[in-house]
């Protein structure tokens, strides 16, 4: 299995990594691998879950928030 050496890690970042690793009962190495997996590997989402997320987002949209009059006013304000 390949190995990776990371140099010049800022102290605050290293301390946070060490803290989070301890919270998850992992070694620092295992925590780094988990962080990389979360960041780089695609998350598999079922179509049902994706559709549910889309519907939840769509429910937050306020319809007709911008009126035709608002658009007309913005156009006219931008003209000399």
Protein backbone atom coordinates (compact mmCIF):
# COMPACT_ATOMS: atom_id res chain seq x y z
CA UNK A 1 0.00 0.00 0.00
CA UNK A 2 1.40 3.44 -0.87
CA UNK A 3 2.65 5.74 1.87
CA UNK A 4 2.35 9.50 2.05
CA UNK A 5 4.44 11.98 4.01
CA UNK A 6 2.99 15.41 4.74
CA UNK A 7 5.45 18.14 5.65
CA UNK A 8 5.10 21.58 7.20
CA UNK A 9 1.66 21.10 8.73
CA UNK A 10 0.73 24.25 10.65
CA UNK A 11 0.59 23.66 14.41
CA UNK A 12 -3.05 24.68 14.73
CA UNK A 13 -4.10 22.28 11.96
CA UNK A 14 -2.10 19.43 13.46
CA UNK A 15 -3.57 20.06 16.92
CA UNK A 16 -7.11 20.10 15.52
CA UNK A 17 -6.44 16.87 13.61
CA UNK A 18 -5.07 15.28 16.77
CA UNK A 19 -8.11 16.44 18.75
CA UNK A 20 -10.62 15.14 16.19
CA UNK A 21 -8.77 11.83 15.89
CA UNK A 22 -8.99 11.38 19.67
CA UNK A 23 -12.72 12.15 19.60
CA UNK A 24 -13.25 9.44 16.99
CA UNK A 25 -10.92 7.00 18.78
CA UNK A 26 -8.62 6.89 15.75
CA UNK A 27 -4.95 7.37 15.12
CA UNK A 28 -3.94 10.58 13.38
CA UNK A 29 -3.11 8.51 10.30
CA UNK A 30 -6.58 6.91 10.26
CA UNK A 31 -8.21 10.31 10.74
CA UNK A 32 -6.28 11.74 7.79
CA UNK A 33 -7.41 8.82 5.62
CA UNK A 34 -11.03 9.40 6.66
CA UNK A 35 -10.75 13.12 5.87
CA UNK A 36 -9.32 12.35 2.45
CA UNK A 37 -12.06 9.80 1.73
CA UNK A 38 -14.78 12.29 2.70
CA UNK A 39 -13.22 14.99 0.55
CA UNK A 40 -12.17 13.05 -2.52
CA UNK A 41 -14.42 10.04 -2.98
CA UNK A 42 -17.90 10.53 -4.39
CA UNK A 43 -20.80 9.99 -2.05
CA UNK A 44 -23.31 7.45 -3.27
CA UNK A 45 -26.80 8.89 -2.93
CA UNK A 46 -29.82 6.90 -3.94
CA UNK A 47 -32.19 8.47 -6.47
CA UNK A 48 -34.91 8.43 -3.81
CA UNK A 49 -32.74 10.41 -1.36
CA UNK A 50 -31.65 12.85 -4.06
CA UNK A 51 -35.26 13.46 -5.08
CA UNK A 52 -36.17 14.01 -1.44
CA UNK A 53 -33.40 16.60 -1.09
CA UNK A 54 -34.53 18.36 -4.27
CA UNK A 55 -38.12 18.51 -3.07
CA UNK A 56 -37.00 19.92 0.29
CA UNK A 57 -34.98 22.64 -1.45
CA UNK A 58 -37.80 23.42 -3.83
CA UNK A 59 -40.19 23.84 -0.88
CA UNK A 60 -37.94 26.64 0.44
CA UNK A 61 -38.29 28.71 -2.73
CA UNK A 62 -40.67 31.64 -2.40
CA UNK A 63 -42.62 31.85 -5.67
CA UNK A 64 -43.03 35.22 -7.42
CA UNK A 65 -40.65 36.94 -5.06
CA UNK A 66 -39.51 39.24 -7.88
CA UNK A 67 -42.35 40.85 -9.76
CA UNK A 68 -42.43 42.17 -13.31
CA UNK A 69 -42.52 45.66 -11.82
CA UNK A 70 -39.30 44.96 -9.88
CA UNK A 71 -37.58 43.86 -13.08
CA UNK A 72 -38.86 46.89 -14.99
CA UNK A 73 -37.68 49.22 -12.23
CA UNK A 74 -34.21 47.63 -12.16
CA UNK A 75 -33.94 48.01 -15.93
CA UNK A 76 -34.99 51.64 -15.82
CA UNK A 77 -32.67 52.52 -12.95
CA UNK A 78 -29.73 51.22 -14.93
CA UNK A 79 -30.45 53.54 -17.89
CA UNK A 80 -29.49 57.24 -18.14
